Structure formats: C-alpha cells, structure tokens
C-alpha cells in the first residue's frame, strides 16, 4: 500500500505553514511510504538536513533507546 504524507509544520520553528507555494521542502522515505516536509525558509531546511542521524547498523557511539529494566517485575 502506498502512503504519501505531508507535514506543513516546520520542524525547526514549529510554525504552521499555510501558503506552501515557493516554500522549501524535502521528501524523505521511499516511493511507497514517503513524507514531504515543508519549511518556512531555506535556512530551516538546511538546519534540519544538518541534524546528525543515528544509524543503528553503523554508529554505536550514541544510543537513543530506553535501555533500562526499571519497573519490570522479575518475579
């Protein structure tokens, strides 16, 4: 099943974008499950693209998981 999602909230400024014409955007995902993200300006788009991405298969220096057994009943 093919899904195409559109986000009109700039992920950097968190402002809603009402007029999409001429606004910078990028598409993430695959042709079957993609997301178009719109930005207020080119600077916000570049800031977003500059955010490092954790790649679990290659980069083990950071772990964003919640690796704890706290609250798990051992009995």
PDB file of N, CA and C in Angstrom:
ATOM      1  N   UNK A   1       0.847  -1.170   0.000  1.00  0.00           N
ATOM      2  CA  UNK A   1       0.000   0.000   0.000  1.00  0.00           C
ATOM      3  C   UNK A   1       0.897   1.238   0.000  1.00  0.00           C
ATOM      4  N   UNK A   2       0.613   2.183  -0.862  1.00  0.00           N
ATOM      5  CA  UNK A   2       1.404   3.393  -0.981  1.00  0.00           C
ATOM      6  C   UNK A   2       0.829   4.492  -0.099  1.00  0.00           C
ATOM      7  N   UNK A   3       1.707   5.134   0.686  1.00  0.00           N
ATOM      8  CA  UNK A   3       1.284   6.235   1.548  1.00  0.00           C
ATOM      9  C   UNK A   3       2.161   7.441   1.270  1.00  0.00           C
ATOM     10  N   UNK A   4       1.547   8.591   1.096  1.00  0.00           N
ATOM     11  CA  UNK A   4       2.283   9.834   0.957  1.00  0.00           C
ATOM     12  C   UNK A   4       1.739  10.795   2.004  1.00  0.00           C
ATOM     13  N   UNK A   5       2.617  11.235   2.880  1.00  0.00           N
ATOM     14  CA  UNK A   5       2.220  12.145   3.945  1.00  0.00           C
ATOM     15  C   UNK A   5       2.859  13.509   3.701  1.00  0.00           C
ATOM     16  N   UNK A   6       2.191  14.553   4.157  1.00  0.00           N
ATOM     17  CA  UNK A   6       2.692  15.913   4.015  1.00  0.00           C
ATOM     18  C   UNK A   6       2.667  16.576   5.384  1.00  0.00           C
ATOM     19  N   UNK A   7       3.808  17.165   5.769  1.00  0.00           N
ATOM     20  CA  UNK A   7       3.879  17.921   7.020  1.00  0.00           C
ATOM     21  C   UNK A   7       4.035  19.391   6.675  1.00  0.00           C
ATOM     22  N   UNK A   8       3.089  20.198   7.129  1.00  0.00           N
ATOM     23  CA  UNK A   8       3.154  21.639   6.892  1.00  0.00           C
ATOM     24  C   UNK A   8       3.570  22.397   8.145  1.00  0.00           C
ATOM     25  N   UNK A   9       4.100  21.681   9.119  1.00  0.00           N
ATOM     26  CA  UNK A   9       4.671  22.304  10.310  1.00  0.00           C
ATOM     27  C   UNK A   9       6.180  22.243  10.188  1.00  0.00           C
ATOM     28  N   UNK A  10       6.819  23.405  10.136  1.00  0.00           N
ATOM     29  CA  UNK A  10       8.272  23.470  10.036  1.00  0.00           C
ATOM     30  C   UNK A  10       8.859  22.813  11.281  1.00  0.00           C
ATOM     31  N   UNK A  11       9.657  21.738  11.138  1.00  0.00           N
ATOM     32  CA  UNK A  11      10.175  21.025  12.317  1.00  0.00           C
ATOM     33  C   UNK A  11      11.227  21.817  13.094  1.00  0.00           C
ATOM     34  N   UNK A  12      11.743  22.895  12.536  1.00  0.00           N
ATOM     35  CA  UNK A  12      12.725  23.714  13.241  1.00  0.00           C
ATOM     36  C   UNK A  12      12.036  24.818  14.029  1.00  0.00           C
ATOM     37  N   UNK A  13      11.156  25.582  13.377  1.00  0.00           N
ATOM     38  CA  UNK A  13      10.475  26.696  14.059  1.00  0.00           C
ATOM     39  C   UNK A  13       9.185  26.262  14.738  1.00  0.00           C
ATOM     40  N   UNK A  14       8.667  25.107  14.348  1.00  0.00           N
ATOM     41  CA  UNK A  14       7.388  24.558  14.835  1.00  0.00           C
ATOM     42  C   UNK A  14       6.197  25.434  14.473  1.00  0.00           C
ATOM     43  N   UNK A  15       6.354  26.245  13.425  1.00  0.00           N
ATOM     44  CA  UNK A  15       5.254  27.080  12.955  1.00  0.00           C
ATOM     45  C   UNK A  15       4.546  26.387  11.795  1.00  0.00           C
ATOM     46  N   UNK A  16       3.212  26.542  11.763  1.00  0.00           N
ATOM     47  CA  UNK A  16       2.430  26.011  10.648  1.00  0.00           C
ATOM     48  C   UNK A  16       2.644  26.890   9.424  1.00  0.00           C
ATOM     49  N   UNK A  17       2.752  26.262   8.264  1.00  0.00           N
ATOM     50  CA  UNK A  17       2.929  26.974   7.016  1.00  0.00           C
ATOM     51  C   UNK A  17       1.631  26.854   6.233  1.00  0.00           C
ATOM     52  N   UNK A  18       0.966  27.994   6.006  1.00  0.00           N
ATOM     53  CA  UNK A  18      -0.327  27.980   5.322  1.00  0.00           C
ATOM     54  C   UNK A  18      -0.184  28.079   3.810  1.00  0.00           C
ATOM     55  N   UNK A  19       0.732  28.900   3.329  1.00  0.00           N
ATOM     56  CA  UNK A  19       0.943  29.070   1.898  1.00  0.00           C
ATOM     57  C   UNK A  19       2.201  28.308   1.508  1.00  0.00           C
ATOM     58  N   UNK A  20       2.040  27.156   0.864  1.00  0.00           N
ATOM     59  CA  UNK A  20       3.167  26.282   0.533  1.00  0.00           C
ATOM     60  C   UNK A  20       3.888  26.688  -0.749  1.00  0.00           C
ATOM     61  N   UNK A  21       3.280  27.543  -1.543  1.00  0.00           N
ATOM     62  CA  UNK A  21       3.873  27.916  -2.833  1.00  0.00           C
ATOM     63  C   UNK A  21       5.232  28.590  -2.632  1.00  0.00           C
ATOM     64  N   UNK A  22       6.255  27.996  -3.243  1.00  0.00           N
ATOM     65  CA  UNK A  22       7.598  28.549  -3.179  1.00  0.00           C
ATOM     66  C   UNK A  22       8.368  28.234  -1.911  1.00  0.00           C
ATOM     67  N   UNK A  23       7.754  27.515  -0.989  1.00  0.00           N
ATOM     68  CA  UNK A  23       8.440  27.169   0.256  1.00  0.00           C
ATOM     69  C   UNK A  23       9.387  26.001   0.022  1.00  0.00           C
ATOM     70  N   UNK A  24      10.553  26.027   0.684  1.00  0.00           N
ATOM     71  CA  UNK A  24      11.471  24.885   0.548  1.00  0.00           C
ATOM     72  C   UNK A  24      10.865  23.637   1.193  1.00  0.00           C
ATOM     73  N   UNK A  25      11.213  22.491   0.649  1.00  0.00           N
ATOM     74  CA  UNK A  25      10.711  21.226   1.189  1.00  0.00           C
ATOM     75  C   UNK A  25      11.720  20.142   0.870  1.00  0.00           C
ATOM     76  N   UNK A  26      11.527  19.004   1.502  1.00  0.00           N
ATOM     77  CA  UNK A  26      12.279  17.815   1.138  1.00  0.00           C
ATOM     78  C   UNK A  26      11.380  16.618   1.328  1.00  0.00           C
ATOM     79  N   UNK A  27      11.725  15.558   0.617  1.00  0.00           N
ATOM     80  CA  UNK A  27      10.940  14.322   0.678  1.00  0.00           C
ATOM     81  C   UNK A  27      11.822  13.250   1.287  1.00  0.00           C
ATOM     82  N   UNK A  28      11.318  12.617   2.336  1.00  0.00           N
ATOM     83  CA  UNK A  28      12.045  11.534   2.997  1.00  0.00           C
ATOM     84  C   UNK A  28      11.242  10.257   2.868  1.00  0.00           C
ATOM     85  N   UNK A  29      11.943   9.152   2.767  1.00  0.00           N
ATOM     86  CA  UNK A  29      11.285   7.856   2.701  1.00  0.00           C
ATOM     87  C   UNK A  29      11.461   7.224   1.342  1.00  0.00           C
ATOM     88  N   UNK A  30      10.609   6.256   1.079  1.00  0.00           N
ATOM     89  CA  UNK A  30      10.661   5.508  -0.171  1.00  0.00           C
ATOM     90  C   UNK A  30       9.472   5.885  -1.039  1.00  0.00           C
ATOM     91  N   UNK A  31       9.458   5.375  -2.233  1.00  0.00           N
ATOM     92  CA  UNK A  31       8.345   5.695  -3.130  1.00  0.00           C
ATOM     93  C   UNK A  31       7.026   5.120  -2.641  1.00  0.00           C
ATOM     94  N   UNK A  32       7.071   4.166  -1.706  1.00  0.00           N
ATOM     95  CA  UNK A  32       5.845   3.557  -1.194  1.00  0.00           C
ATOM     96  C   UNK A  32       5.414   4.123   0.148  1.00  0.00           C
ATOM     97  N   UNK A  33       6.313   4.823   0.828  1.00  0.00           N
ATOM     98  CA  UNK A  33       5.988   5.373   2.145  1.00  0.00           C
ATOM     99  C   UNK A  33       6.871   6.604   2.347  1.00  0.00           C
ATOM    100  N   UNK A  34       6.402   7.741   1.848  1.00  0.00           N
ATOM    101  CA  UNK A  34       7.245   8.926   1.938  1.00  0.00           C
ATOM    102  C   UNK A  34       6.545  10.058   2.672  1.00  0.00           C
ATOM    103  N   UNK A  35       7.348  11.043   3.043  1.00  0.00           N
ATOM    104  CA  UNK A  35       6.885  12.197   3.794  1.00  0.00           C
ATOM    105  C   UNK A  35       7.496  13.437   3.168  1.00  0.00           C
ATOM    106  N   UNK A  36       6.656  14.388   2.786  1.00  0.00           N
ATOM    107  CA  UNK A  36       7.123  15.679   2.304  1.00  0.00           C
ATOM    108  C   UNK A  36       7.058  16.646   3.476  1.00  0.00           C
ATOM    109  N   UNK A  37       8.189  17.266   3.774  1.00  0.00           N
ATOM    110  CA  UNK A  37       8.284  18.203   4.892  1.00  0.00           C
ATOM    111  C   UNK A  37       8.522  19.596   4.329  1.00  0.00           C
ATOM    112  N   UNK A  38       7.668  20.541   4.693  1.00  0.00           N
ATOM    113  CA  UNK A  38       7.820  21.924   4.254  1.00  0.00           C
ATOM    114  C   UNK A  38       8.486  22.753   5.350  1.00  0.00           C
ATOM    115  N   UNK A  39       9.235  23.771   4.917  1.00  0.00           N
ATOM    116  CA  UNK A  39       9.974  24.645   5.827  1.00  0.00           C
ATOM    117  C   UNK A  39       9.621  26.099   5.541  1.00  0.00           C
ATOM    118  N   UNK A  40       9.739  26.941   6.577  1.00  0.00           N
ATOM    119  CA  UNK A  40       9.483  28.373   6.416  1.00  0.00           C
ATOM    120  C   UNK A  40      10.495  29.022   5.480  1.00  0.00           C
ATOM    121  N   UNK A  41      11.742  28.567   5.566  1.00  0.00           N
ATOM    122  CA  UNK A  41      12.793  29.191   4.772  1.00  0.00           C
ATOM    123  C   UNK A  41      13.906  28.175   4.519  1.00  0.00           C
ATOM    124  N   UNK A  42      14.817  28.552   3.647  1.00  0.00           N
ATOM    125  CA  UNK A  42      15.918  27.666   3.268  1.00  0.00           C
ATOM    126  C   UNK A  42      16.850  27.399   4.447  1.00  0.00           C
ATOM    127  N   UNK A  43      17.034  28.378   5.311  1.00  0.00           N
ATOM    128  CA  UNK A  43      17.909  28.201   6.477  1.00  0.00           C
ATOM    129  C   UNK A  43      17.377  27.091   7.386  1.00  0.00           C
ATOM    130  N   UNK A  44      16.075  27.046   7.611  1.00  0.00           N
ATOM    131  CA  UNK A  44      15.491  25.994   8.445  1.00  0.00           C
ATOM    132  C   UNK A  44      15.633  24.625   7.779  1.00  0.00           C
ATOM    133  N   UNK A  45      15.476  24.592   6.441  1.00  0.00           N
ATOM    134  CA  UNK A  45      15.649  23.321   5.735  1.00  0.00           C
ATOM    135  C   UNK A  45      17.086  22.822   5.883  1.00  0.00           C
ATOM    136  N   UNK A  46      18.046  23.723   5.749  1.00  0.00           N
ATOM    137  CA  UNK A  46      19.445  23.336   5.875  1.00  0.00           C
ATOM    138  C   UNK A  46      19.771  22.905   7.301  1.00  0.00           C
ATOM    139  N   UNK A  47      19.228  23.607   8.293  1.00  0.00           N
ATOM    140  CA  UNK A  47      19.423  23.227   9.697  1.00  0.00           C
ATOM    141  C   UNK A  47      18.900  21.817   9.934  1.00  0.00           C
ATOM    142  N   UNK A  48      17.724  21.516   9.381  1.00  0.00           N
ATOM    143  CA  UNK A  48      17.135  20.179   9.510  1.00  0.00           C
ATOM    144  C   UNK A  48      18.038  19.125   8.873  1.00  0.00           C
ATOM    145  N   UNK A  49      18.526  19.413   7.677  1.00  0.00           N
ATOM    146  CA  UNK A  49      19.377  18.437   6.991  1.00  0.00           C
ATOM    147  C   UNK A  49      20.716  18.239   7.689  1.00  0.00           C
ATOM    148  N   UNK A  50      21.166  19.230   8.445  1.00  0.00           N
ATOM    149  CA  UNK A  50      22.444  19.135   9.147  1.00  0.00           C
ATOM    150  C   UNK A  50      22.358  18.353  10.466  1.00  0.00           C
ATOM    151  N   UNK A  51      21.155  18.006  10.905  1.00  0.00           N
ATOM    152  CA  UNK A  51      20.997  17.248  12.144  1.00  0.00           C
ATOM    153  C   UNK A  51      21.538  15.838  11.916  1.00  0.00           C
ATOM    154  N   UNK A  52      22.494  15.398  12.754  1.00  0.00           N
ATOM    155  CA  UNK A  52      23.037  14.046  12.560  1.00  0.00           C
ATOM    156  C   UNK A  52      21.973  12.978  12.833  1.00  0.00           C
ATOM    157  N   UNK A  53      22.051  11.914  12.080  1.00  0.00           N
ATOM    158  CA  UNK A  53      21.093  10.818  12.205  1.00  0.00           C
ATOM    159  C   UNK A  53      21.803   9.599  12.773  1.00  0.00           C
ATOM    160  N   UNK A  54      21.210   9.018  13.790  1.00  0.00           N
ATOM    161  CA  UNK A  54      21.756   7.784  14.349  1.00  0.00           C
ATOM    162  C   UNK A  54      21.463   6.650  13.388  1.00  0.00           C
ATOM    163  N   UNK A  55      22.463   5.929  13.039  1.00  0.00           N
ATOM    164  CA  UNK A  55      22.294   4.756  12.182  1.00  0.00           C
ATOM    165  C   UNK A  55      22.643   3.526  13.006  1.00  0.00           C
ATOM    166  N   UNK A  56      21.644   2.836  13.549  1.00  0.00           N
ATOM    167  CA  UNK A  56      21.919   1.719  14.463  1.00  0.00           C
ATOM    168  C   UNK A  56      22.816   0.645  13.882  1.00  0.00           C
ATOM    169  N   UNK A  57      22.806   0.448  12.583  1.00  0.00           N
ATOM    170  CA  UNK A  57      23.623  -0.590  11.981  1.00  0.00           C
ATOM    171  C   UNK A  57      25.078  -0.213  11.838  1.00  0.00           C
ATOM    172  N   UNK A  58      25.386   1.094  11.933  1.00  0.00           N
ATOM    173  CA  UNK A  58      26.749   1.551  11.689  1.00  0.00           C
ATOM    174  C   UNK A  58      27.344   2.380  12.821  1.00  0.00           C
ATOM    175  N   UNK A  59      26.523   3.095  13.547  1.00  0.00           N
ATOM    176  CA  UNK A  59      27.024   4.037  14.540  1.00  0.00           C
ATOM    177  C   UNK A  59      26.576   3.608  15.929  1.00  0.00           C
ATOM    178  N   UNK A  60      27.501   3.058  16.690  1.00  0.00           N
ATOM    179  CA  UNK A  60      27.160   2.580  18.028  1.00  0.00           C
ATOM    180  C   UNK A  60      27.651   3.532  19.118  1.00  0.00           C
ATOM    181  N   UNK A  61      28.038   4.765  18.736  1.00  0.00           N
ATOM    182  CA  UNK A  61      28.547   5.709  19.723  1.00  0.00           C
ATOM    183  C   UNK A  61      27.429   6.414  20.484  1.00  0.00           C
ATOM    184  N   UNK A  62      26.201   6.412  19.933  1.00  0.00           N
ATOM    185  CA  UNK A  62      25.061   7.040  20.595  1.00  0.00           C
ATOM    186  C   UNK A  62      23.922   6.029  20.661  1.00  0.00           C
ATOM    187  N   UNK A  63      23.183   6.081  21.745  1.00  0.00           N
ATOM    188  CA  UNK A  63      22.042   5.201  21.909  1.00  0.00           C
ATOM    189  C   UNK A  63      20.873   6.027  22.407  1.00  0.00           C
ATOM    190  N   UNK A  64      19.844   6.159  21.603  1.00  0.00           N
ATOM    191  CA  UNK A  64      18.686   6.942  21.999  1.00  0.00           C
ATOM    192  C   UNK A  64      17.567   6.060  22.560  1.00  0.00           C
ATOM    193  N   UNK A  65      17.855   4.789  22.764  1.00  0.00           N
ATOM    194  CA  UNK A  65      16.863   3.872  23.303  1.00  0.00           C
ATOM    195  C   UNK A  65      16.700   4.026  24.811  1.00  0.00           C
ATOM    196  N   UNK A  66      15.661   3.459  25.324  1.00  0.00           N
ATOM    197  CA  UNK A  66      15.390   3.461  26.757  1.00  0.00           C
ATOM    198  C   UNK A  66      15.766   2.076  27.284  1.00  0.00           C
ATOM    199  N   UNK A  67      17.060   1.864  27.453  1.00  0.00           N
ATOM    200  CA  UNK A  67      17.565   0.548  27.820  1.00  0.00           C
ATOM    201  C   UNK A  67      17.672   0.405  29.334  1.00  0.00           C
ATOM    202  N   UNK A  68      16.549   0.181  29.943  1.00  0.00           N
ATOM    203  CA  UNK A  68      16.512   0.016  31.381  1.00  0.00           C
ATOM    204  C   UNK A  68      15.546  -1.096  31.743  1.00  0.00           C
ATOM    205  N   UNK A  69      15.798  -1.741  32.837  1.00  0.00           N
ATOM    206  CA  UNK A  69      14.880  -2.769  33.322  1.00  0.00           C
ATOM    207  C   UNK A  69      14.060  -2.239  34.490  1.00  0.00           C
ATOM    208  N   UNK A  70      14.185  -0.957  34.768  1.00  0.00           N
ATOM    209  CA  UNK A  70      13.449  -0.349  35.858  1.00  0.00           C
ATOM    210  C   UNK A  70      11.940  -0.525  35.633  1.00  0.00           C
ATOM    211  N   UNK A  71      11.260  -0.956  36.625  1.00  0.00           N
ATOM    212  CA  UNK A  71       9.820  -1.128  36.547  1.00  0.00           C
ATOM    213  C   UNK A  71       9.380  -2.464  36.005  1.00  0.00           C
ATOM    214  N   UNK A  72      10.332  -3.338  35.646  1.00  0.00           N
ATOM    215  CA  UNK A  72       9.971  -4.657  35.153  1.00  0.00           C
ATOM    216  C   UNK A  72       9.990  -5.641  36.312  1.00  0.00           C
ATOM    217  N   UNK A  73       8.910  -6.360  36.495  1.00  0.00           N
ATOM    218  CA  UNK A  73       8.800  -7.322  37.585  1.00  0.00           C
ATOM    219  C   UNK A  73       9.635  -8.558  37.265  1.00  0.00           C
ATOM    220  N   UNK A  74      10.573  -8.862  38.146  1.00  0.00           N
ATOM    221  CA  UNK A  74      11.449 -10.021  37.939  1.00  0.00           C
ATOM    222  C   UNK A  74      10.806 -11.321  38.401  1.00  0.00           C
ATOM    223  N   UNK A  75       9.656 -11.253  38.975  1.00  0.00           N
ATOM    224  CA  UNK A  75       9.053 -12.430  39.548  1.00  0.00           C
ATOM    225  C   UNK A  75       8.108 -13.086  38.677  1.00  0.00           C
TER     226      UNK A  75
END
